[in-house]
């Protein structure tokens, strides 16, 4: 499955791509199947999305840009 961020297009503050794809995939697949799947994301998932991936029972999450690099690119928002 593929999903883009729908936060602004759907006016949904939880519409991050990872959360949206997990909502769709959890309607289609059993948790046992999702345990064998991987989620690929451009950047490290936020805490909300990490929780959704965990509760969705996905076996592996892979991302290209770690949080430290993301903060260098966007600024430290502590």
PDB file of N, CA and C in Angstrom:
ATOM      1  N   UNK A   1       0.843  -1.171   0.000  1.00  0.00           N
ATOM      2  CA  UNK A   1       0.000   0.000   0.000  1.00  0.00           C
ATOM      3  C   UNK A   1       0.889   1.235   0.000  1.00  0.00           C
ATOM      4  N   UNK A   2       0.343   2.327  -0.480  1.00  0.00           N
ATOM      5  CA  UNK A   2       1.037   3.606  -0.520  1.00  0.00           C
ATOM      6  C   UNK A   2       0.112   4.672   0.025  1.00  0.00           C
ATOM      7  N   UNK A   3       0.686   5.656   0.723  1.00  0.00           N
ATOM      8  CA  UNK A   3      -0.157   6.706   1.301  1.00  0.00           C
ATOM      9  C   UNK A   3       0.645   7.986   1.447  1.00  0.00           C
ATOM     10  N   UNK A   4       0.024   9.094   1.127  1.00  0.00           N
ATOM     11  CA  UNK A   4       0.616  10.408   1.371  1.00  0.00           C
ATOM     12  C   UNK A   4      -0.018  11.006   2.611  1.00  0.00           C
ATOM     13  N   UNK A   5       0.564  12.086   3.088  1.00  0.00           N
ATOM     14  CA  UNK A   5       0.014  12.822   4.215  1.00  0.00           C
ATOM     15  C   UNK A   5      -1.330  13.424   3.802  1.00  0.00           C
ATOM     16  N   UNK A   6      -2.368  13.210   4.609  1.00  0.00           N
ATOM     17  CA  UNK A   6      -3.697  13.762   4.308  1.00  0.00           C
ATOM     18  C   UNK A   6      -4.149  14.758   5.371  1.00  0.00           C
ATOM     19  N   UNK A   7      -3.189  15.196   6.184  1.00  0.00           N
ATOM     20  CA  UNK A   7      -3.515  16.119   7.275  1.00  0.00           C
ATOM     21  C   UNK A   7      -4.210  17.380   6.771  1.00  0.00           C
ATOM     22  N   UNK A   8      -3.720  17.956   5.701  1.00  0.00           N
ATOM     23  CA  UNK A   8      -4.287  19.209   5.198  1.00  0.00           C
ATOM     24  C   UNK A   8      -5.403  18.983   4.181  1.00  0.00           C
ATOM     25  N   UNK A   9      -5.259  17.976   3.334  1.00  0.00           N
ATOM     26  CA  UNK A   9      -6.283  17.740   2.314  1.00  0.00           C
ATOM     27  C   UNK A   9      -7.597  17.242   2.914  1.00  0.00           C
ATOM     28  N   UNK A  10      -7.514  16.492   4.018  1.00  0.00           N
ATOM     29  CA  UNK A  10      -8.708  15.952   4.668  1.00  0.00           C
ATOM     30  C   UNK A  10      -9.066  16.703   5.952  1.00  0.00           C
ATOM     31  N   UNK A  11      -8.287  17.744   6.272  1.00  0.00           N
ATOM     32  CA  UNK A  11      -8.510  18.524   7.504  1.00  0.00           C
ATOM     33  C   UNK A  11      -8.571  17.608   8.723  1.00  0.00           C
ATOM     34  N   UNK A  12      -7.553  16.749   8.835  1.00  0.00           N
ATOM     35  CA  UNK A  12      -7.475  15.751   9.901  1.00  0.00           C
ATOM     36  C   UNK A  12      -6.098  15.830  10.542  1.00  0.00           C
ATOM     37  N   UNK A  13      -6.043  16.300  11.777  1.00  0.00           N
ATOM     38  CA  UNK A  13      -4.741  16.483  12.443  1.00  0.00           C
ATOM     39  C   UNK A  13      -4.016  15.161  12.671  1.00  0.00           C
ATOM     40  N   UNK A  14      -4.698  14.039  12.557  1.00  0.00           N
ATOM     41  CA  UNK A  14      -4.049  12.735  12.695  1.00  0.00           C
ATOM     42  C   UNK A  14      -3.746  12.114  11.338  1.00  0.00           C
ATOM     43  N   UNK A  15      -3.857  12.868  10.282  1.00  0.00           N
ATOM     44  CA  UNK A  15      -3.727  12.345   8.922  1.00  0.00           C
ATOM     45  C   UNK A  15      -2.312  12.226   8.408  1.00  0.00           C
ATOM     46  N   UNK A  16      -1.366  11.911   9.277  1.00  0.00           N
ATOM     47  CA  UNK A  16      -0.013  11.643   8.799  1.00  0.00           C
ATOM     48  C   UNK A  16      -0.051  10.391   7.929  1.00  0.00           C
ATOM     49  N   UNK A  17       0.866  10.298   6.992  1.00  0.00           N
ATOM     50  CA  UNK A  17       0.866   9.185   6.039  1.00  0.00           C
ATOM     51  C   UNK A  17       0.922   7.833   6.745  1.00  0.00           C
ATOM     52  N   UNK A  18       1.769   7.720   7.771  1.00  0.00           N
ATOM     53  CA  UNK A  18       1.905   6.438   8.473  1.00  0.00           C
ATOM     54  C   UNK A  18       0.599   6.038   9.160  1.00  0.00           C
ATOM     55  N   UNK A  19      -0.050   6.993   9.809  1.00  0.00           N
ATOM     56  CA  UNK A  19      -1.320   6.698  10.492  1.00  0.00           C
ATOM     57  C   UNK A  19      -2.408   6.343   9.480  1.00  0.00           C
ATOM     58  N   UNK A  20      -2.450   7.069   8.372  1.00  0.00           N
ATOM     59  CA  UNK A  20      -3.477   6.813   7.360  1.00  0.00           C
ATOM     60  C   UNK A  20      -3.299   5.450   6.698  1.00  0.00           C
ATOM     61  N   UNK A  21      -2.052   5.086   6.386  1.00  0.00           N
ATOM     62  CA  UNK A  21      -1.833   3.781   5.752  1.00  0.00           C
ATOM     63  C   UNK A  21      -2.116   2.649   6.739  1.00  0.00           C
ATOM     64  N   UNK A  22      -1.834   2.866   8.012  1.00  0.00           N
ATOM     65  CA  UNK A  22      -2.137   1.840   9.006  1.00  0.00           C
ATOM     66  C   UNK A  22      -3.646   1.679   9.184  1.00  0.00           C
ATOM     67  N   UNK A  23      -4.388   2.770   9.147  1.00  0.00           N
ATOM     68  CA  UNK A  23      -5.845   2.673   9.247  1.00  0.00           C
ATOM     69  C   UNK A  23      -6.401   1.867   8.079  1.00  0.00           C
ATOM     70  N   UNK A  24      -5.919   2.151   6.885  1.00  0.00           N
ATOM     71  CA  UNK A  24      -6.399   1.426   5.702  1.00  0.00           C
ATOM     72  C   UNK A  24      -5.978  -0.040   5.740  1.00  0.00           C
ATOM     73  N   UNK A  25      -4.732  -0.304   6.091  1.00  0.00           N
ATOM     74  CA  UNK A  25      -4.251  -1.692   6.068  1.00  0.00           C
ATOM     75  C   UNK A  25      -4.881  -2.531   7.178  1.00  0.00           C
ATOM     76  N   UNK A  26      -5.184  -1.907   8.310  1.00  0.00           N
ATOM     77  CA  UNK A  26      -5.798  -2.687   9.391  1.00  0.00           C
ATOM     78  C   UNK A  26      -7.236  -3.085   9.062  1.00  0.00           C
ATOM     79  N   UNK A  27      -7.862  -2.360   8.136  1.00  0.00           N
ATOM     80  CA  UNK A  27      -9.205  -2.754   7.688  1.00  0.00           C
ATOM     81  C   UNK A  27      -9.145  -3.909   6.689  1.00  0.00           C
ATOM     82  N   UNK A  28      -8.010  -4.053   6.003  1.00  0.00           N
ATOM     83  CA  UNK A  28      -7.878  -5.074   4.959  1.00  0.00           C
ATOM     84  C   UNK A  28      -7.197  -6.357   5.413  1.00  0.00           C
ATOM     85  N   UNK A  29      -6.288  -6.252   6.383  1.00  0.00           N
ATOM     86  CA  UNK A  29      -5.449  -7.393   6.736  1.00  0.00           C
ATOM     87  C   UNK A  29      -5.538  -7.725   8.221  1.00  0.00           C
ATOM     88  N   UNK A  30      -5.360  -8.992   8.533  1.00  0.00           N
ATOM     89  CA  UNK A  30      -5.296  -9.439   9.923  1.00  0.00           C
ATOM     90  C   UNK A  30      -3.955  -9.041  10.534  1.00  0.00           C
ATOM     91  N   UNK A  31      -3.935  -8.904  11.865  1.00  0.00           N
ATOM     92  CA  UNK A  31      -2.698  -8.540  12.559  1.00  0.00           C
ATOM     93  C   UNK A  31      -1.585  -9.557  12.333  1.00  0.00           C
ATOM     94  N   UNK A  32      -1.933 -10.818  12.202  1.00  0.00           N
ATOM     95  CA  UNK A  32      -0.912 -11.844  11.960  1.00  0.00           C
ATOM     96  C   UNK A  32      -0.201 -11.586  10.631  1.00  0.00           C
ATOM     97  N   UNK A  33      -0.949 -11.142   9.623  1.00  0.00           N
ATOM     98  CA  UNK A  33      -0.339 -10.828   8.327  1.00  0.00           C
ATOM     99  C   UNK A  33       0.516  -9.571   8.440  1.00  0.00           C
ATOM    100  N   UNK A  34       0.008  -8.541   9.124  1.00  0.00           N
ATOM    101  CA  UNK A  34       0.743  -7.283   9.264  1.00  0.00           C
ATOM    102  C   UNK A  34       2.057  -7.481  10.011  1.00  0.00           C
ATOM    103  N   UNK A  35       2.114  -8.492  10.865  1.00  0.00           N
ATOM    104  CA  UNK A  35       3.353  -8.784  11.596  1.00  0.00           C
ATOM    105  C   UNK A  35       4.471  -9.155  10.633  1.00  0.00           C
ATOM    106  N   UNK A  36       4.117  -9.652   9.466  1.00  0.00           N
ATOM    107  CA  UNK A  36       5.100 -10.037   8.455  1.00  0.00           C
ATOM    108  C   UNK A  36       5.427  -8.893   7.493  1.00  0.00           C
ATOM    109  N   UNK A  37       4.827  -7.739   7.700  1.00  0.00           N
ATOM    110  CA  UNK A  37       4.995  -6.596   6.796  1.00  0.00           C
ATOM    111  C   UNK A  37       5.978  -5.576   7.351  1.00  0.00           C
ATOM    112  N   UNK A  38       6.421  -4.687   6.477  1.00  0.00           N
ATOM    113  CA  UNK A  38       7.290  -3.580   6.858  1.00  0.00           C
ATOM    114  C   UNK A  38       6.649  -2.280   6.408  1.00  0.00           C
ATOM    115  N   UNK A  39       6.845  -1.246   7.196  1.00  0.00           N
ATOM    116  CA  UNK A  39       6.378   0.097   6.847  1.00  0.00           C
ATOM    117  C   UNK A  39       7.615   0.919   6.501  1.00  0.00           C
ATOM    118  N   UNK A  40       7.607   1.563   5.350  1.00  0.00           N
ATOM    119  CA  UNK A  40       8.719   2.402   4.907  1.00  0.00           C
ATOM    120  C   UNK A  40       8.277   3.855   4.915  1.00  0.00           C
ATOM    121  N   UNK A  41       9.107   4.714   5.504  1.00  0.00           N
ATOM    122  CA  UNK A  41       8.784   6.129   5.623  1.00  0.00           C
ATOM    123  C   UNK A  41      10.023   6.955   5.298  1.00  0.00           C
ATOM    124  N   UNK A  42       9.808   8.143   4.784  1.00  0.00           N
ATOM    125  CA  UNK A  42      10.930   9.018   4.463  1.00  0.00           C
ATOM    126  C   UNK A  42      11.670   9.442   5.721  1.00  0.00           C
ATOM    127  N   UNK A  43      10.937   9.881   6.735  1.00  0.00           N
ATOM    128  CA  UNK A  43      11.554  10.329   7.989  1.00  0.00           C
ATOM    129  C   UNK A  43      11.058   9.474   9.148  1.00  0.00           C
ATOM    130  N   UNK A  44      11.759   9.556  10.271  1.00  0.00           N
ATOM    131  CA  UNK A  44      11.369   8.807  11.457  1.00  0.00           C
ATOM    132  C   UNK A  44       9.925   9.181  11.820  1.00  0.00           C
ATOM    133  N   UNK A  45       9.067   8.206  12.075  1.00  0.00           N
ATOM    134  CA  UNK A  45       7.680   8.522  12.429  1.00  0.00           C
ATOM    135  C   UNK A  45       7.588   9.299  13.741  1.00  0.00           C
ATOM    136  N   UNK A  46       6.633  10.196  13.826  1.00  0.00           N
ATOM    137  CA  UNK A  46       6.384  10.928  15.065  1.00  0.00           C
ATOM    138  C   UNK A  46       5.875   9.943  16.120  1.00  0.00           C
ATOM    139  N   UNK A  47       5.754  10.404  17.347  1.00  0.00           N
ATOM    140  CA  UNK A  47       5.305   9.529  18.431  1.00  0.00           C
ATOM    141  C   UNK A  47       3.923   8.940  18.157  1.00  0.00           C
ATOM    142  N   UNK A  48       3.010   9.758  17.627  1.00  0.00           N
ATOM    143  CA  UNK A  48       1.665   9.265  17.329  1.00  0.00           C
ATOM    144  C   UNK A  48       1.730   8.123  16.316  1.00  0.00           C
ATOM    145  N   UNK A  49       2.466   8.341  15.239  1.00  0.00           N
ATOM    146  CA  UNK A  49       2.551   7.329  14.186  1.00  0.00           C
ATOM    147  C   UNK A  49       3.299   6.089  14.653  1.00  0.00           C
ATOM    148  N   UNK A  50       4.322   6.268  15.468  1.00  0.00           N
ATOM    149  CA  UNK A  50       5.042   5.118  16.016  1.00  0.00           C
ATOM    150  C   UNK A  50       4.091   4.252  16.833  1.00  0.00           C
ATOM    151  N   UNK A  51       3.207   4.889  17.599  1.00  0.00           N
ATOM    152  CA  UNK A  51       2.214   4.142  18.364  1.00  0.00           C
ATOM    153  C   UNK A  51       1.241   3.401  17.466  1.00  0.00           C
ATOM    154  N   UNK A  52       0.810   4.041  16.401  1.00  0.00           N
ATOM    155  CA  UNK A  52      -0.120   3.404  15.456  1.00  0.00           C
ATOM    156  C   UNK A  52       0.536   2.193  14.795  1.00  0.00           C
ATOM    157  N   UNK A  53       1.800   2.327  14.426  1.00  0.00           N
ATOM    158  CA  UNK A  53       2.526   1.216  13.813  1.00  0.00           C
ATOM    159  C   UNK A  53       2.662   0.078  14.826  1.00  0.00           C
ATOM    160  N   UNK A  54       2.982   0.413  16.063  1.00  0.00           N
ATOM    161  CA  UNK A  54       3.107  -0.597  17.115  1.00  0.00           C
ATOM    162  C   UNK A  54       1.777  -1.321  17.337  1.00  0.00           C
ATOM    163  N   UNK A  55       0.704  -0.580  17.554  1.00  0.00           N
ATOM    164  CA  UNK A  55      -0.598  -1.193  17.825  1.00  0.00           C
ATOM    165  C   UNK A  55      -1.170  -1.882  16.595  1.00  0.00           C
ATOM    166  N   UNK A  56      -0.712  -1.479  15.407  1.00  0.00           N
ATOM    167  CA  UNK A  56      -1.136  -2.146  14.180  1.00  0.00           C
ATOM    168  C   UNK A  56      -0.414  -3.459  13.946  1.00  0.00           C
ATOM    169  N   UNK A  57       0.602  -3.722  14.773  1.00  0.00           N
ATOM    170  CA  UNK A  57       1.309  -5.001  14.760  1.00  0.00           C
ATOM    171  C   UNK A  57       2.233  -5.174  13.561  1.00  0.00           C
ATOM    172  N   UNK A  58       2.709  -4.068  12.992  1.00  0.00           N
ATOM    173  CA  UNK A  58       3.642  -4.160  11.872  1.00  0.00           C
ATOM    174  C   UNK A  58       4.978  -4.673  12.385  1.00  0.00           C
ATOM    175  N   UNK A  59       5.563  -5.613  11.654  1.00  0.00           N
ATOM    176  CA  UNK A  59       6.782  -6.266  12.106  1.00  0.00           C
ATOM    177  C   UNK A  59       8.031  -5.415  12.053  1.00  0.00           C
ATOM    178  N   UNK A  60       8.089  -4.449  11.122  1.00  0.00           N
ATOM    179  CA  UNK A  60       9.303  -3.656  10.980  1.00  0.00           C
ATOM    180  C   UNK A  60       8.955  -2.286  10.398  1.00  0.00           C
ATOM    181  N   UNK A  61       9.607  -1.260  10.913  1.00  0.00           N
ATOM    182  CA  UNK A  61       9.478   0.092  10.364  1.00  0.00           C
ATOM    183  C   UNK A  61      10.857   0.539   9.902  1.00  0.00           C
ATOM    184  N   UNK A  62      10.932   1.082   8.698  1.00  0.00           N
ATOM    185  CA  UNK A  62      12.187   1.531   8.104  1.00  0.00           C
ATOM    186  C   UNK A  62      12.010   2.984   7.700  1.00  0.00           C
ATOM    187  N   UNK A  63      12.996   3.808   8.039  1.00  0.00           N
ATOM    188  CA  UNK A  63      12.938   5.211   7.628  1.00  0.00           C
ATOM    189  C   UNK A  63      14.306   5.662   7.163  1.00  0.00           C
ATOM    190  N   UNK A  64      14.328   6.672   6.282  1.00  0.00           N
ATOM    191  CA  UNK A  64      15.575   7.131   5.676  1.00  0.00           C
ATOM    192  C   UNK A  64      16.247   8.238   6.485  1.00  0.00           C
ATOM    193  N   UNK A  65      15.463   9.137   7.073  1.00  0.00           N
ATOM    194  CA  UNK A  65      16.021  10.290   7.777  1.00  0.00           C
ATOM    195  C   UNK A  65      15.756  10.152   9.273  1.00  0.00           C
ATOM    196  N   UNK A  66      16.823   9.991  10.091  1.00  0.00           N
ATOM    197  CA  UNK A  66      16.627   9.887  11.539  1.00  0.00           C
ATOM    198  C   UNK A  66      16.274  11.243  12.155  1.00  0.00           C
ATOM    199  N   UNK A  67      15.788  11.217  13.384  1.00  0.00           N
ATOM    200  CA  UNK A  67      15.334  12.439  14.058  1.00  0.00           C
ATOM    201  C   UNK A  67      16.431  13.496  14.144  1.00  0.00           C
ATOM    202  N   UNK A  68      17.636  13.099  14.443  1.00  0.00           N
ATOM    203  CA  UNK A  68      18.740  14.066  14.565  1.00  0.00           C
ATOM    204  C   UNK A  68      18.930  14.838  13.267  1.00  0.00           C
ATOM    205  N   UNK A  69      18.896  14.141  12.133  1.00  0.00           N
ATOM    206  CA  UNK A  69      19.051  14.793  10.825  1.00  0.00           C
ATOM    207  C   UNK A  69      17.831  15.668  10.515  1.00  0.00           C
ATOM    208  N   UNK A  70      16.652  15.187  10.869  1.00  0.00           N
ATOM    209  CA  UNK A  70      15.433  15.963  10.654  1.00  0.00           C
ATOM    210  C   UNK A  70      15.493  17.288  11.412  1.00  0.00           C
ATOM    211  N   UNK A  71      15.971  17.258  12.651  1.00  0.00           N
ATOM    212  CA  UNK A  71      16.089  18.488  13.440  1.00  0.00           C
ATOM    213  C   UNK A  71      17.099  19.453  12.828  1.00  0.00           C
ATOM    214  N   UNK A  72      18.165  18.936  12.240  1.00  0.00           N
ATOM    215  CA  UNK A  72      19.128  19.809  11.555  1.00  0.00           C
ATOM    216  C   UNK A  72      18.503  20.476  10.337  1.00  0.00           C
ATOM    217  N   UNK A  73      17.615  19.741   9.659  1.00  0.00           N
ATOM    218  CA  UNK A  73      16.973  20.272   8.459  1.00  0.00           C
ATOM    219  C   UNK A  73      15.854  21.264   8.779  1.00  0.00           C
ATOM    220  N   UNK A  74      15.118  21.005   9.857  1.00  0.00           N
ATOM    221  CA  UNK A  74      13.929  21.807  10.155  1.00  0.00           C
ATOM    222  C   UNK A  74      14.095  22.728  11.359  1.00  0.00           C
ATOM    223  N   UNK A  75      15.111  22.519  12.167  1.00  0.00           N
ATOM    224  CA  UNK A  75      15.305  23.312  13.375  1.00  0.00           C
ATOM    225  C   UNK A  75      14.837  22.547  14.590  1.00  0.00           C
ATOM    226  N   UNK A  76      15.437  22.838  15.722  1.00  0.00           N
ATOM    227  CA  UNK A  76      15.112  22.160  16.969  1.00  0.00           C
ATOM    228  C   UNK A  76      13.854  22.797  17.557  1.00  0.00           C
ATOM    229  N   UNK A  77      12.789  22.022  17.715  1.00  0.00           N
ATOM    230  CA  UNK A  77      11.497  22.530  18.179  1.00  0.00           C
ATOM    231  C   UNK A  77      11.163  22.057  19.579  1.00  0.00           C
ATOM    232  N   UNK A  78      12.153  21.980  20.470  1.00  0.00           N
ATOM    233  CA  UNK A  78      11.884  21.481  21.829  1.00  0.00           C
ATOM    234  C   UNK A  78      11.033  22.436  22.618  1.00  0.00           C
TER     235      UNK A  78
END
